[in-house]
Amino acid sequence: MNRFNPRKLALSKWTACKPLNREKHFLVTDLLHDEQGTLLKVELQAVYSNRSEWLDWHELRDSERWKAGWQ
Protein backbone atom coordinates (compact mmCIF):
# COMPACT_ATOMS: atom_id res chain seq x y z
CA MET A 1 0.00 0.00 0.00
CA ASN A 2 1.42 3.35 -1.06
CA ARG A 3 1.15 5.94 1.69
CA PHE A 4 0.87 9.62 0.77
CA ASN A 5 -0.98 12.79 1.66
CA PRO A 6 -3.82 13.34 -0.87
CA ARG A 7 -3.38 17.11 -0.54
CA LYS A 8 0.11 16.81 -2.06
CA LEU A 9 -0.85 14.87 -5.19
CA ALA A 10 -0.73 17.84 -7.58
CA LEU A 11 2.16 17.42 -10.04
CA SER A 12 3.29 14.20 -8.37
CA LYS A 13 4.97 11.52 -10.50
CA TRP A 14 3.83 7.88 -10.76
CA THR A 15 5.08 4.72 -12.45
CA ALA A 16 2.71 2.01 -13.66
CA CYS A 17 3.86 -1.48 -12.59
CA LYS A 18 2.36 -3.03 -15.73
CA PRO A 19 2.65 -0.51 -18.57
CA LEU A 20 0.21 -0.50 -21.47
CA ASN A 21 1.05 0.98 -24.89
CA ARG A 22 4.55 1.91 -23.66
CA GLU A 23 2.94 4.27 -21.14
CA LYS A 24 4.78 3.78 -17.89
CA HIS A 25 5.41 7.22 -16.42
CA PHE A 26 2.57 9.53 -15.43
CA LEU A 27 2.14 12.99 -13.93
CA VAL A 28 -0.87 14.16 -11.90
CA THR A 29 -2.02 17.26 -13.82
CA ASP A 30 -5.41 18.05 -12.24
CA LEU A 31 -7.48 17.29 -9.15
CA LEU A 32 -11.28 16.99 -8.94
CA HIS A 33 -12.92 17.98 -5.64
CA ASP A 34 -16.55 17.94 -4.53
CA GLU A 35 -18.37 20.96 -3.05
CA GLN A 36 -16.92 20.29 0.42
CA GLY A 37 -13.36 20.17 -0.91
CA THR A 38 -12.98 16.38 -0.65
CA LEU A 39 -10.69 14.92 -3.30
CA LEU A 40 -12.55 12.60 -5.68
CA LYS A 41 -10.35 11.98 -8.73
CA VAL A 42 -6.99 12.83 -10.23
CA GLU A 43 -6.09 13.35 -13.86
CA LEU A 44 -3.03 11.32 -14.89
CA GLN A 45 -1.16 12.37 -18.01
CA ALA A 46 1.19 9.90 -19.70
CA VAL A 47 4.62 11.42 -20.24
CA TYR A 48 5.29 9.43 -23.43
CA SER A 49 2.04 10.10 -25.32
CA ASN A 50 0.45 13.02 -23.39
CA ARG A 51 -2.75 10.96 -23.16
CA SER A 52 -4.82 11.86 -20.08
CA GLU A 53 -7.27 9.84 -18.03
CA TRP A 54 -9.23 10.42 -14.84
CA LEU A 55 -8.68 7.97 -12.00
CA ASP A 56 -10.07 7.58 -8.50
CA TRP A 57 -7.21 8.79 -6.31
CA HIS A 58 -7.57 5.74 -4.03
CA GLU A 59 -6.30 3.53 -6.87
CA LEU A 60 -2.85 5.13 -6.52
CA ARG A 61 -2.58 3.46 -3.10
CA ASP A 62 -2.46 0.03 -4.76
CA SER A 63 1.28 -0.78 -4.73
CA GLU A 64 0.71 -3.70 -7.12
CA ARG A 65 -0.38 -1.24 -9.83
CA TRP A 66 1.42 2.01 -9.00
CA LYS A 67 4.76 3.18 -7.60
CA ALA A 68 5.37 6.71 -6.41
CA GLY A 69 7.97 8.57 -8.47
CA TRP A 70 9.52 7.62 -11.81
CA GLN A 71 11.40 4.36 -11.64
C-alpha atoms as a PDB file:
ATOM      1  CA  MET A   1       0.000   0.000   0.000  1.00  0.00           C
ATOM      2  CA  ASN A   2       1.422   3.354  -1.061  1.00  0.00           C
ATOM      3  CA  ARG A   3       1.153   5.944   1.691  1.00  0.00           C
ATOM      4  CA  PHE A   4       0.867   9.619   0.774  1.00  0.00           C
ATOM      5  CA  ASN A   5      -0.980  12.786   1.655  1.00  0.00           C
ATOM      6  CA  PRO A   6      -3.821  13.340  -0.873  1.00  0.00           C
ATOM      7  CA  ARG A   7      -3.377  17.113  -0.536  1.00  0.00           C
ATOM      8  CA  LYS A   8       0.107  16.809  -2.059  1.00  0.00           C
ATOM      9  CA  LEU A   9      -0.855  14.866  -5.195  1.00  0.00           C
ATOM     10  CA  ALA A  10      -0.731  17.842  -7.579  1.00  0.00           C
ATOM     11  CA  LEU A  11       2.162  17.423 -10.040  1.00  0.00           C
ATOM     12  CA  SER A  12       3.293  14.197  -8.375  1.00  0.00           C
ATOM     13  CA  LYS A  13       4.971  11.515 -10.500  1.00  0.00           C
ATOM     14  CA  TRP A  14       3.828   7.880 -10.763  1.00  0.00           C
ATOM     15  CA  THR A  15       5.081   4.720 -12.446  1.00  0.00           C
ATOM     16  CA  ALA A  16       2.708   2.008 -13.655  1.00  0.00           C
ATOM     17  CA  CYS A  17       3.858  -1.477 -12.588  1.00  0.00           C
ATOM     18  CA  LYS A  18       2.357  -3.031 -15.729  1.00  0.00           C
ATOM     19  CA  PRO A  19       2.648  -0.506 -18.569  1.00  0.00           C
ATOM     20  CA  LEU A  20       0.205  -0.499 -21.470  1.00  0.00           C
ATOM     21  CA  ASN A  21       1.051   0.983 -24.890  1.00  0.00           C
ATOM     22  CA  ARG A  22       4.550   1.906 -23.664  1.00  0.00           C
ATOM     23  CA  GLU A  23       2.943   4.273 -21.137  1.00  0.00           C
ATOM     24  CA  LYS A  24       4.776   3.776 -17.890  1.00  0.00           C
ATOM     25  CA  HIS A  25       5.411   7.221 -16.420  1.00  0.00           C
ATOM     26  CA  PHE A  26       2.571   9.533 -15.429  1.00  0.00           C
ATOM     27  CA  LEU A  27       2.142  12.985 -13.934  1.00  0.00           C
ATOM     28  CA  VAL A  28      -0.870  14.164 -11.901  1.00  0.00           C
ATOM     29  CA  THR A  29      -2.021  17.255 -13.815  1.00  0.00           C
ATOM     30  CA  ASP A  30      -5.408  18.045 -12.241  1.00  0.00           C
ATOM     31  CA  LEU A  31      -7.480  17.287  -9.147  1.00  0.00           C
ATOM     32  CA  LEU A  32     -11.276  16.990  -8.944  1.00  0.00           C
ATOM     33  CA  HIS A  33     -12.916  17.978  -5.639  1.00  0.00           C
ATOM     34  CA  ASP A  34     -16.554  17.943  -4.528  1.00  0.00           C
ATOM     35  CA  GLU A  35     -18.370  20.964  -3.050  1.00  0.00           C
ATOM     36  CA  GLN A  36     -16.921  20.291   0.420  1.00  0.00           C
ATOM     37  CA  GLY A  37     -13.358  20.166  -0.914  1.00  0.00           C
ATOM     38  CA  THR A  38     -12.976  16.385  -0.650  1.00  0.00           C
ATOM     39  CA  LEU A  39     -10.691  14.924  -3.295  1.00  0.00           C
ATOM     40  CA  LEU A  40     -12.549  12.595  -5.678  1.00  0.00           C
ATOM     41  CA  LYS A  41     -10.347  11.979  -8.728  1.00  0.00           C
ATOM     42  CA  VAL A  42      -6.992  12.835 -10.228  1.00  0.00           C
ATOM     43  CA  GLU A  43      -6.087  13.353 -13.861  1.00  0.00           C
ATOM     44  CA  LEU A  44      -3.035  11.318 -14.894  1.00  0.00           C
ATOM     45  CA  GLN A  45      -1.159  12.370 -18.010  1.00  0.00           C
ATOM     46  CA  ALA A  46       1.193   9.900 -19.698  1.00  0.00           C
ATOM     47  CA  VAL A  47       4.623  11.421 -20.237  1.00  0.00           C
ATOM     48  CA  TYR A  48       5.289   9.428 -23.434  1.00  0.00           C
ATOM     49  CA  SER A  49       2.042  10.102 -25.316  1.00  0.00           C
ATOM     50  CA  ASN A  50       0.454  13.025 -23.386  1.00  0.00           C
ATOM     51  CA  ARG A  51      -2.755  10.959 -23.157  1.00  0.00           C
ATOM     52  CA  SER A  52      -4.823  11.862 -20.079  1.00  0.00           C
ATOM     53  CA  GLU A  53      -7.273   9.842 -18.030  1.00  0.00           C
ATOM     54  CA  TRP A  54      -9.225  10.423 -14.838  1.00  0.00           C
ATOM     55  CA  LEU A  55      -8.682   7.971 -12.002  1.00  0.00           C
ATOM     56  CA  ASP A  56     -10.073   7.581  -8.501  1.00  0.00           C
ATOM     57  CA  TRP A  57      -7.212   8.790  -6.309  1.00  0.00           C
ATOM     58  CA  HIS A  58      -7.572   5.743  -4.028  1.00  0.00           C
ATOM     59  CA  GLU A  59      -6.303   3.530  -6.873  1.00  0.00           C
ATOM     60  CA  LEU A  60      -2.850   5.128  -6.517  1.00  0.00           C
ATOM     61  CA  ARG A  61      -2.584   3.462  -3.096  1.00  0.00           C
ATOM     62  CA  ASP A  62      -2.460   0.028  -4.761  1.00  0.00           C
ATOM     63  CA  SER A  63       1.278  -0.782  -4.728  1.00  0.00           C
ATOM     64  CA  GLU A  64       0.709  -3.695  -7.122  1.00  0.00           C
ATOM     65  CA  ARG A  65      -0.383  -1.240  -9.833  1.00  0.00           C
ATOM     66  CA  TRP A  66       1.416   2.013  -9.001  1.00  0.00           C
ATOM     67  CA  LYS A  67       4.759   3.175  -7.600  1.00  0.00           C
ATOM     68  CA  ALA A  68       5.373   6.706  -6.410  1.00  0.00           C
ATOM     69  CA  GLY A  69       7.967   8.568  -8.467  1.00  0.00           C
ATOM     70  CA  TRP A  70       9.521   7.616 -11.807  1.00  0.00           C
ATOM     71  CA  GLN A  71      11.400   4.358 -11.638  1.00  0.00           C
END
